[in-house]
Protein backbone atom coordinates (compact mmCIF):
# COMPACT_ATOMS: atom_id res chain seq x y z
CA MET A 1 158.44 93.00 109.33
CA PRO A 2 157.49 95.50 106.62
CA LEU A 3 155.25 98.39 107.53
CA LEU A 4 152.51 97.32 105.13
CA VAL A 5 151.68 93.63 105.08
CA ARG A 6 149.14 91.37 103.52
CA GLY A 7 145.57 91.85 104.65
CA LEU A 8 141.98 92.19 103.58
CA ARG A 9 141.35 94.04 100.35
CA SER A 10 138.03 95.47 99.23
CA GLY A 11 139.07 97.31 96.09
CA ILE A 12 137.29 100.52 97.09
CA ARG A 13 138.10 103.73 95.26
CA ILE A 14 137.05 107.20 96.24
CA VAL A 15 135.26 109.01 93.45
CA ARG A 16 135.95 112.68 94.02
CA GLY A 17 132.91 114.91 93.98
CA LEU A 18 130.44 112.35 95.33
CA SER A 19 128.26 113.45 98.21
CA SER A 20 128.83 111.72 101.53
CA THR A 21 125.62 109.73 101.10
CA ALA A 22 126.51 108.58 97.59
CA LEU A 23 130.06 107.87 98.63
CA PHE A 24 128.90 105.74 101.54
CA ALA A 25 126.53 103.79 99.31
CA ALA A 26 129.34 103.12 96.85
CA VAL A 27 131.70 102.03 99.57
CA LEU A 28 129.31 99.63 101.26
CA THR A 29 129.37 97.36 98.23
CA GLY A 30 132.89 96.38 99.22
CA ALA A 31 133.00 97.13 102.94
CA LEU A 32 134.15 94.48 105.38
CA LEU A 33 130.94 93.88 107.28
CA GLY A 34 130.90 90.14 107.65
CA GLY A 35 132.02 88.40 110.81
CA ALA A 36 134.92 89.69 112.85
CA PRO A 37 138.30 89.16 111.16
CA SER A 38 139.71 85.75 111.91
CA ALA A 39 143.01 85.52 113.78
CA SER A 40 144.73 84.21 110.66
CA ALA A 41 143.60 87.27 108.66
CA LEU A 42 145.29 89.68 111.05
CA PRO A 43 149.04 90.31 110.90
CA GLY A 44 149.01 90.99 114.65
CA PRO A 45 147.13 89.87 117.79
CA GLY A 46 143.37 90.12 118.12
CA TYR A 47 143.74 92.63 120.93
CA LEU A 48 146.10 95.31 122.23
CA ALA A 49 146.18 96.03 125.95
CA THR A 50 147.41 99.51 126.83
CA GLY A 51 148.60 101.05 130.05
CA PHE A 52 150.96 103.45 131.76
CA ASP A 53 154.20 103.38 133.63
CA SER A 54 153.51 105.29 136.83
CA ASP A 55 157.11 105.93 137.84
CA THR A 56 156.78 109.63 138.62
CA LEU A 57 153.25 109.41 140.05
CA VAL A 58 153.41 106.49 142.39
CA PHE A 59 155.56 108.02 145.14
CA ASP A 60 153.05 110.85 145.63
CA GLY A 61 150.00 109.40 147.34
CA ASP A 62 147.75 112.37 146.56
CA GLN A 63 148.62 112.12 142.85
CA VAL A 64 147.91 108.39 142.89
CA ASP A 65 144.51 108.98 144.49
CA ALA A 66 143.65 111.65 141.92
CA TRP A 67 144.98 110.08 138.73
CA PHE A 68 144.58 106.32 138.94
CA PRO A 69 140.77 106.58 138.63
CA ARG A 70 141.18 108.69 135.48
CA MET A 71 143.08 105.92 133.70
CA GLU A 72 139.90 103.88 133.44
CA GLN A 73 138.13 106.80 131.73
CA PHE A 74 140.23 106.45 128.61
CA ASP A 75 140.52 102.68 128.57
CA ALA A 76 143.99 102.18 130.00
CA THR A 77 143.72 98.73 131.54
CA TRP A 78 147.23 98.33 132.96
CA VAL A 79 149.57 100.26 135.22
CA ARG A 80 153.23 99.42 135.84
CA ILE A 81 154.17 100.24 139.42
CA PRO A 82 157.78 100.28 140.66
CA ALA A 83 158.35 98.32 143.86
CA SER A 84 161.68 99.85 144.84
CA TRP A 85 163.53 97.34 147.00
CA ARG A 86 165.81 99.91 148.63
CA THR A 87 162.87 102.22 149.35
CA ILE A 88 160.75 99.52 150.98
CA ALA A 89 163.51 97.62 152.81
CA PRO A 90 165.45 99.03 155.78
CA ALA A 91 168.56 101.05 154.91
CA ASN A 92 170.60 98.91 157.30
CA ARG A 93 169.76 95.26 157.89
CA PRO A 94 168.79 94.68 161.54
CA PRO A 95 169.71 91.28 163.06
CA SER A 96 166.02 90.50 163.63
CA PHE A 97 164.95 91.31 160.07
CA VAL A 98 163.20 88.45 158.23
CA ALA A 99 163.30 89.60 154.62
CA ALA A 100 160.91 86.97 153.25
CA ASN A 101 158.20 87.97 155.72
CA PRO A 102 155.91 90.67 154.27
CA GLY A 103 154.74 91.50 157.77
CA ASP A 104 158.20 92.29 159.13
CA SER A 105 157.99 95.67 160.83
CA HIS A 106 161.26 96.85 159.28
CA TYR A 107 159.62 97.01 155.85
CA ASN A 108 157.83 100.20 154.80
CA TRP A 109 155.11 99.25 152.33
CA SER A 110 153.04 102.43 152.68
CA TYR A 111 153.43 103.91 149.18
CA LEU A 112 153.13 100.54 147.45
CA ASP A 113 150.05 99.44 149.41
CA ARG A 114 148.34 102.71 148.53
CA ALA A 115 149.20 102.46 144.84
CA VAL A 116 148.08 98.83 144.55
CA ARG A 117 144.87 99.61 146.44
CA ASP A 118 144.05 102.58 144.20
CA ALA A 119 144.84 100.63 141.03
CA ALA A 120 142.53 97.81 142.08
CA ALA A 121 139.77 100.30 142.93
CA SER A 122 140.17 101.76 139.43
CA ASN A 123 139.93 98.31 137.78
CA GLU A 124 143.54 98.49 136.61
CA HIS A 125 145.66 95.40 136.15
CA VAL A 126 148.95 95.87 138.01
CA LEU A 127 152.44 94.96 136.86
CA LEU A 128 154.84 95.27 139.79
CA MET A 129 158.43 96.00 138.76
CA LEU A 130 160.95 95.08 141.46
CA ASP A 131 164.41 96.66 141.30
CA SER A 132 167.15 98.70 143.05
CA ALA A 133 168.87 96.89 145.91
CA PRO A 134 169.53 98.27 149.40
CA SER A 135 173.20 98.75 150.21
CA TRP A 136 173.37 95.64 152.42
CA ALA A 137 172.28 93.43 149.47
CA LEU A 138 175.00 94.64 147.09
CA GLY A 139 178.17 92.83 146.10
CA PRO A 140 181.53 93.65 147.70
CA ASN A 141 183.74 96.58 146.78
CA PRO A 142 181.42 98.65 144.59
CA PRO A 143 183.35 101.44 142.87
CA SER A 144 182.47 105.03 143.67
CA SER A 145 181.15 105.38 140.12
CA ALA A 146 178.45 102.72 140.64
CA TRP A 147 174.90 104.02 140.87
CA PRO A 148 173.02 103.29 144.12
CA GLY A 149 171.32 99.90 144.18
CA THR A 150 173.11 98.48 141.13
CA TRP A 151 176.37 96.72 142.05
CA ARG A 152 176.10 92.92 141.83
CA PRO A 153 172.87 92.55 143.87
CA SER A 154 172.56 89.32 145.82
CA PRO A 155 170.15 86.85 144.15
CA THR A 156 169.46 85.26 147.55
CA ALA A 157 168.52 88.57 149.15
CA TYR A 158 166.49 89.53 146.08
CA ALA A 159 164.58 86.23 146.23
CA ALA A 160 163.61 86.94 149.83
CA PHE A 161 162.30 90.41 148.99
CA VAL A 162 160.43 89.16 145.93
CA ARG A 163 158.84 86.41 148.01
CA ALA A 164 157.66 89.01 150.51
CA VAL A 165 156.10 91.06 147.69
CA ALA A 166 154.35 88.04 146.15
CA LEU A 167 152.98 87.03 149.56
CA ARG A 168 151.83 90.52 150.46
CA TYR A 169 149.87 90.87 147.22
CA SER A 170 148.61 87.30 147.04
CA GLY A 171 145.06 88.40 147.75
CA HIS A 172 145.20 86.87 151.23
CA PHE A 173 147.46 89.21 153.21
CA PRO A 174 145.62 91.42 155.73
CA ASP A 175 145.35 95.07 154.73
CA PRO A 176 146.86 97.01 157.65
CA SER A 177 144.75 100.09 156.90
CA GLN A 178 141.45 98.24 156.45
CA PRO A 179 140.87 95.70 159.24
CA GLY A 180 139.04 92.61 158.10
CA GLN A 181 140.06 93.07 154.46
CA SER A 182 142.97 91.77 152.40
CA LEU A 183 145.32 93.67 150.15
CA PRO A 184 144.46 93.21 146.44
CA LEU A 185 145.85 90.37 144.38
CA VAL A 186 148.73 91.18 142.02
CA SER A 187 149.64 88.34 139.68
CA HIS A 188 152.04 90.05 137.23
CA PHE A 189 155.60 90.80 138.26
CA GLN A 190 158.72 92.09 136.54
CA ALA A 191 162.23 91.28 137.67
CA TRP A 192 164.32 94.48 137.52
CA ASN A 193 164.46 97.29 134.98
CA GLU A 194 166.80 97.95 132.04
CA PRO A 195 169.64 95.69 133.20
CA ASN A 196 171.64 96.52 130.07
CA LEU A 197 172.23 100.04 131.42
CA PRO A 198 174.75 100.85 134.18
CA VAL A 199 172.30 103.16 135.96
CA THR A 200 170.30 100.07 136.98
CA LEU A 201 172.78 97.16 137.00
CA ALA A 202 176.57 97.06 137.24
CA PRO A 203 179.08 96.16 136.11
CA GLN A 204 178.01 95.89 132.49
CA TRP A 205 181.40 94.57 131.35
CA THR A 206 184.48 92.92 132.85
CA ARG A 207 187.99 92.93 131.47
CA VAL A 208 189.48 89.55 130.56
CA GLY A 209 192.99 89.89 129.20
CA HIS A 210 192.85 92.52 126.49
CA SER A 211 189.11 92.15 125.87
CA TRP A 212 185.88 93.33 127.44
CA VAL A 213 183.31 90.60 128.00
CA PRO A 214 179.64 90.98 129.02
CA ALA A 215 179.04 90.78 132.77
CA SER A 216 175.53 92.11 133.34
CA PRO A 217 173.63 89.32 131.52
CA THR A 218 175.07 86.67 133.87
CA ILE A 219 174.41 88.83 136.94
CA TYR A 220 170.89 89.44 135.74
CA ARG A 221 170.20 85.78 134.95
CA GLY A 222 170.83 85.01 138.62
CA LEU A 223 168.41 87.72 139.72
CA LEU A 224 165.75 86.69 137.19
CA ASN A 225 165.86 83.01 138.11
CA ALA A 226 165.79 83.83 141.82
CA ALA A 227 162.73 86.03 141.31
CA TYR A 228 160.96 83.51 139.08
CA ALA A 229 161.37 80.64 141.54
CA SER A 230 160.40 82.80 144.49
CA ILE A 231 157.24 84.18 142.88
CA LYS A 232 156.08 80.81 141.55
CA SER A 233 156.57 79.19 144.96
CA VAL A 234 153.98 81.60 146.35
CA GLN A 235 151.74 82.14 143.32
CA PRO A 236 152.16 79.22 140.87
CA ASN A 237 149.93 80.90 138.27
CA ALA A 238 151.67 84.27 138.43
CA TYR A 239 153.15 85.81 135.28
CA VAL A 240 156.80 86.89 135.40
CA LEU A 241 158.33 89.28 132.87
CA ALA A 242 162.02 89.68 132.31
CA ALA A 243 163.22 93.25 132.70
CA GLY A 244 162.51 95.78 129.99
CA LEU A 245 165.66 96.55 128.01
CA GLY A 246 166.99 99.97 127.12
CA PRO A 247 167.03 100.52 123.34
CA TYR A 248 170.64 101.46 122.61
CA GLY A 249 174.13 100.49 123.65
CA ASP A 250 177.80 101.27 123.18
CA PRO A 251 180.92 99.43 122.03
CA PRO A 252 182.29 96.75 124.41
CA GLY A 253 183.72 98.20 127.60
CA ALA A 254 181.76 101.44 127.36
CA ALA A 255 178.71 102.29 129.45
CA ARG A 256 175.65 100.55 127.98
CA MET A 257 175.17 97.11 126.47
CA ARG A 258 173.18 96.78 123.27
CA PRO A 259 169.83 95.07 123.97
CA VAL A 260 170.07 92.27 121.38
CA LEU A 261 173.57 91.38 122.58
CA PHE A 262 172.32 91.42 126.17
CA LEU A 263 169.42 89.10 125.32
CA ARG A 264 171.70 86.69 123.44
CA GLU A 265 174.04 86.49 126.43
CA LEU A 266 171.15 86.15 128.87
CA LEU A 267 169.77 83.23 126.85
CA CYS A 268 173.18 81.59 126.26
CA LEU A 269 173.26 82.11 122.50
CA HIS A 270 176.43 83.13 120.70
CA GLY A 271 176.83 85.63 117.90
CA ALA A 272 174.60 86.45 114.97
CA SER A 273 174.20 82.72 114.23
CA LEU A 274 172.65 82.24 117.70
CA HIS A 275 174.74 79.14 118.35
CA PRO A 276 173.64 77.61 121.69
CA GLU A 277 176.31 77.67 124.39
CA ARG A 278 176.55 75.71 127.62
CA CYS A 279 173.93 77.04 130.01
CA ASP A 280 173.85 75.44 133.46
CA ALA A 281 170.98 77.62 134.69
CA PRO A 282 168.84 78.74 131.73
CA ALA A 283 166.75 81.85 132.16
CA HIS A 284 163.20 81.31 133.44
CA LEU A 285 160.61 83.81 132.24
CA ASP A 286 157.11 84.11 130.83
CA ALA A 287 157.74 87.14 128.61
CA ILE A 288 160.41 89.59 127.56
CA ASP A 289 160.04 93.35 127.52
CA MET A 290 161.50 96.16 125.44
CA HIS A 291 161.62 99.95 125.85
CA PRO A 292 162.04 101.02 122.19
CA TYR A 293 162.49 104.76 122.53
CA ALA A 294 163.15 106.27 119.13
CA PHE A 295 163.26 109.49 117.12
CA THR A 296 160.08 108.41 115.31
CA PRO A 297 157.94 105.24 115.47
CA THR A 298 159.11 104.04 112.05
CA ILE A 299 162.87 104.66 111.98
CA HIS A 300 165.02 101.57 112.46
CA ALA A 301 167.97 101.55 114.84
CA PHE A 302 171.23 101.87 112.91
CA ASN A 303 173.13 99.16 114.81
CA ALA A 304 171.82 95.62 114.32
CA ASP A 305 172.00 94.96 118.07
CA ASP A 306 169.97 98.05 119.01
CA VAL A 307 166.16 98.12 118.98
CA SER A 308 163.88 100.95 117.89
CA VAL A 309 160.09 100.65 117.58
CA PRO A 310 160.06 98.73 114.26
CA ASP A 311 162.96 96.44 115.32
CA LEU A 312 161.25 94.14 117.80
CA GLY A 313 161.74 91.23 115.40
CA ARG A 314 165.43 91.32 116.33
CA LEU A 315 164.46 90.25 119.84
CA SER A 316 161.85 87.77 118.64
CA ARG A 317 164.47 85.96 116.56
CA VAL A 318 166.70 85.51 119.62
CA LEU A 319 163.79 84.42 121.79
CA GLN A 320 162.60 81.82 119.29
CA ALA A 321 166.12 80.36 119.03
CA ALA A 322 166.27 80.13 122.81
CA LEU A 323 162.93 78.33 122.94
CA ARG A 324 164.06 75.82 120.32
CA THR A 325 167.25 75.03 122.23
CA GLY A 326 165.92 75.03 125.79
CA ARG A 327 167.65 78.29 126.74
CA ALA A 328 164.38 79.96 127.75
CA LEU A 329 162.34 78.02 130.30
CA PRO A 330 159.79 76.77 131.03
CA ARG A 331 159.13 75.55 127.52
CA GLY A 332 156.19 77.07 125.70
CA GLN A 333 155.43 80.25 123.82
CA LYS A 334 156.68 83.52 125.31
CA SER A 335 155.26 86.99 124.72
CA ILE A 336 156.94 90.30 123.97
CA TRP A 337 155.72 93.35 125.88
CA VAL A 338 156.55 97.03 125.54
CA THR A 339 156.21 98.68 128.96
CA GLU A 340 157.85 102.01 128.11
CA VAL A 341 157.61 104.20 125.03
CA ASP A 342 156.87 107.89 124.60
CA TRP A 343 157.63 111.16 122.85
CA SER A 344 157.88 114.47 124.66
CA SER A 345 155.59 117.25 123.44
CA SER A 346 156.11 120.97 122.90
CA PRO A 347 154.72 122.58 124.96
CA PRO A 348 156.03 122.17 127.60
CA ASP A 349 159.32 120.73 126.32
CA SER A 350 161.02 123.27 124.06
CA LEU A 351 162.85 120.37 122.38
CA GLY A 352 159.74 118.23 122.04
CA ILE A 353 157.46 117.56 119.08
CA PRO A 354 154.16 119.42 118.36
CA LEU A 355 151.09 118.22 120.25
CA ALA A 356 149.40 116.93 117.09
CA GLN A 357 152.52 114.97 116.18
CA GLN A 358 152.65 113.42 119.64
CA ALA A 359 149.06 112.22 119.15
CA ARG A 360 150.00 110.77 115.75
CA TYR A 361 153.01 108.99 117.25
CA VAL A 362 150.87 107.40 119.96
CA ALA A 363 148.66 105.73 117.36
CA LEU A 364 151.57 104.84 115.09
CA ALA A 365 153.62 103.33 117.91
CA PHE A 366 150.66 101.22 119.00
CA TYR A 367 150.21 100.01 115.43
CA GLU A 368 153.90 99.24 114.94
CA THR A 369 154.19 97.25 118.17
CA TRP A 370 150.93 95.39 117.47
CA LEU A 371 152.12 94.57 113.95
CA GLN A 372 155.17 92.85 115.44
CA GLY A 373 153.10 90.65 117.73
CA VAL A 374 153.13 92.77 120.88
CA SER A 375 149.93 92.45 122.89
CA HIS A 376 150.72 94.96 125.69
CA THR A 377 152.08 98.46 125.07
CA PHE A 378 152.46 101.04 127.85
CA TRP A 379 153.02 104.77 127.54
CA TYR A 380 155.76 105.92 129.88
CA GLU A 381 154.05 108.89 131.54
CA LEU A 382 150.45 109.76 132.31
CA LEU A 383 151.24 113.25 133.60
CA ASP A 384 154.07 115.57 132.49
CA PRO A 385 156.78 115.05 135.11
CA GLY A 386 158.66 118.30 134.50
CA GLY A 387 162.43 118.55 134.24
CA PRO A 388 164.99 119.95 131.80
CA ALA A 389 164.23 120.34 128.11
CA GLY A 390 164.97 117.27 126.04
CA SER A 391 164.26 114.78 128.83
CA PHE A 392 160.83 113.32 129.66
CA THR A 393 159.49 116.73 130.71
CA GLY A 394 156.63 116.68 128.16
CA ALA A 395 156.15 112.93 127.85
CA GLY A 396 152.79 112.80 129.60
CA LEU A 397 149.41 112.59 127.93
CA PHE A 398 148.29 115.31 130.35
CA PHE A 399 150.01 118.58 131.16
CA ALA A 400 151.34 118.91 134.71
CA ARG A 401 148.25 120.88 135.79
CA GLY A 402 145.92 118.18 134.48
CA LEU A 403 144.81 119.52 131.09
CA ALA A 404 144.47 116.75 128.50
CA LYS A 405 146.64 116.76 125.39
CA PRO A 406 145.36 115.59 121.99
CA ALA A 407 147.36 112.41 122.56
CA THR A 408 144.78 111.26 125.12
CA VAL A 409 142.31 110.82 122.25
CA ALA A 410 144.82 108.78 120.26
CA PHE A 411 145.61 106.68 123.31
CA ARG A 412 141.98 105.80 123.96
CA PHE A 413 141.17 105.12 120.30
CA PRO A 414 144.35 104.68 118.23
CA PHE A 415 143.78 104.79 114.47
CA VAL A 416 146.13 104.96 111.48
CA ALA A 417 145.55 105.15 107.73
CA LEU A 418 148.91 104.47 106.10
CA ASP A 419 149.29 105.25 102.40
CA ASP A 420 151.50 102.93 100.35
CA GLY A 421 151.98 105.68 97.76
CA ASN A 422 149.57 104.14 95.26
CA GLY A 423 146.30 105.02 96.94
CA VAL A 424 146.09 101.81 98.98
CA LEU A 425 145.59 102.57 102.65
CA THR A 426 146.26 100.29 105.59
CA LEU A 427 143.45 101.01 108.04
CA TRP A 428 144.15 99.89 111.59
CA GLY A 429 142.85 100.78 114.99
CA ARG A 430 141.83 99.57 118.37
CA ALA A 431 138.38 100.74 119.37
CA PRO A 432 137.44 101.17 123.05
CA THR A 433 134.91 98.34 122.68
CA ALA A 434 134.10 95.66 120.14
CA GLY A 435 131.63 96.46 117.39
CA VAL A 436 131.33 97.99 113.92
CA VAL A 437 133.63 100.94 113.32
CA THR A 438 132.78 103.60 110.74
CA VAL A 439 135.76 105.15 108.99
CA GLU A 440 134.90 108.75 108.10
CA VAL A 441 136.49 111.19 105.65
CA ALA A 442 136.74 114.96 106.13
CA ARG A 443 135.37 116.99 103.21
CA GLY A 444 134.40 120.63 103.19
CA GLY A 445 134.64 120.96 106.95
CA THR A 446 132.34 118.01 107.70
CA TRP A 447 132.81 114.31 108.30
CA GLY A 448 131.11 111.75 106.09
CA PRO A 449 131.07 107.94 106.28
CA LEU A 450 133.54 106.12 104.06
CA THR A 451 133.58 102.45 105.04
CA GLN A 452 132.77 100.18 107.94
CA LEU A 453 134.92 97.53 109.61
CA ARG A 454 133.98 95.01 112.24
CA THR A 455 136.42 94.67 115.13
CA THR A 456 137.69 91.58 116.85
CA ARG A 457 136.41 90.87 120.34
CA GLY A 458 139.45 92.82 121.52
CA GLY A 459 138.43 95.92 119.56
CA VAL A 460 141.09 95.58 116.84
CA PHE A 461 140.20 96.29 113.20
CA TYR A 462 142.44 96.02 110.16
CA ALA A 463 142.08 96.24 106.39
CA ARG A 464 143.89 97.33 103.27
CA GLN A 465 141.70 99.22 100.84
CA ARG A 466 142.24 101.22 97.66
CA ILE A 467 140.78 104.51 98.80
CA GLY A 468 143.03 107.31 97.60
CA SER A 469 145.71 109.64 98.87
CA HIS A 470 145.95 112.95 100.70
CA LEU A 471 142.87 112.32 102.81
CA THR A 472 141.99 113.09 106.41
CA LEU A 473 140.22 110.16 108.04
CA ARG A 474 139.03 109.14 111.46
CA ALA A 475 137.34 106.10 112.96
CA ARG A 476 134.15 106.22 114.99
CA LEU A 477 132.36 103.72 117.19
CA GLY A 478 129.13 105.13 118.54
CA ALA A 479 129.82 108.53 120.06
CA ILE A 480 133.58 107.95 120.39
CA ALA A 481 135.87 109.11 117.58
CA SER A 482 139.59 108.61 117.07
CA TYR A 483 142.08 111.40 116.56
CA PRO A 484 142.08 112.36 112.85
CA TRP A 485 144.75 110.88 110.60
CA SER A 486 145.98 112.69 107.48
CA SER A 487 147.50 110.38 104.90
């Protein structure tokens, strides 16, 4: 989908030299102040839910207690929590172990109970991601090169663990630390993580004759279907996401599988034509997920089977073909989520991008994913996790000691003003609440009102207006302002 698409036009021009008051009066003659934009007028959804992946926080109970309540302060409504199978389950399977029983004493739920409890207390929706098998649930003869928890996990054993998770967080299971109370309800689950990468699922390929053929999609389909059936048997109204896919791959037989190829194989579709193949056990899912890490939020992946931020349509095309041919079940519309995306900042990462650029990329990534129909986008890290330069060391919206980065402002109130080169700006944002947003322009060191836009009930606003170029704008709703955007 192109970066700039059709939308609402008001034909407003900036007349240089006007005072803020005169400028505002001129603008209001064409401002979009009627009812909220209708769904058909928007090129994306009427809302955008945002959240965090808590991977590096969740195993530290003190950090969870301190930081989960802060998510609510800047309007993050979701948190993705890893439920590590091999961390929770016993290292060796005792004869008396009943894996489908969430109350079995061989399970250690302590970190997960605490995280789910804290998320619920902070009014966060929880997405539980279940991955990484214990050694006793792996396939036979794993090579020494296989990463722990990845080699041909047993779908039957996985189904039992997933059932235990869904039962424990059904809203009815007794909370062991709070007698007389139940553990919170969790109704959103994700089966595995990045199964197109060998660090999470193996093998990726198998050799047949002189050729390498995909192996991981078939292995993963068994895990996904086992999880889907198990969760729905306990919580029929639960929502089950397929695993988020890593963005890039390698040639056949090498380490990683390209995400679009993986999805085609998972959904039994062949080649670029998406020809339906025999599929005895079609994939069952309610949504797919992508982790579109990229150099910038607007650069396309070079390979047609890789996916950067603006390439989500490559996945949508495959998903729609699967829905038409019964290769994605149950029938009905499926969503696309993005549960991991980020850019590392400098400081602290010497190879990262400047803090102001990180803030800009937050807003731009949210816009780009929304434009392609994504309704849920999660930033990978809340807090800088540390580590070597060039990794995720500066990916958080807060420094490791807790100081907020400029990107926190862009996360809470993302706003972009994209110039088409001819003075027409695409104005988009998601305000913290619904209402009338004032777009302001910076002139002479002060901010003056430029135009007003009414949001959807989900806080989204969108318009294309002829305003001018080389401007610094921001959006404001009440006392809350977005991070400035220079066009």
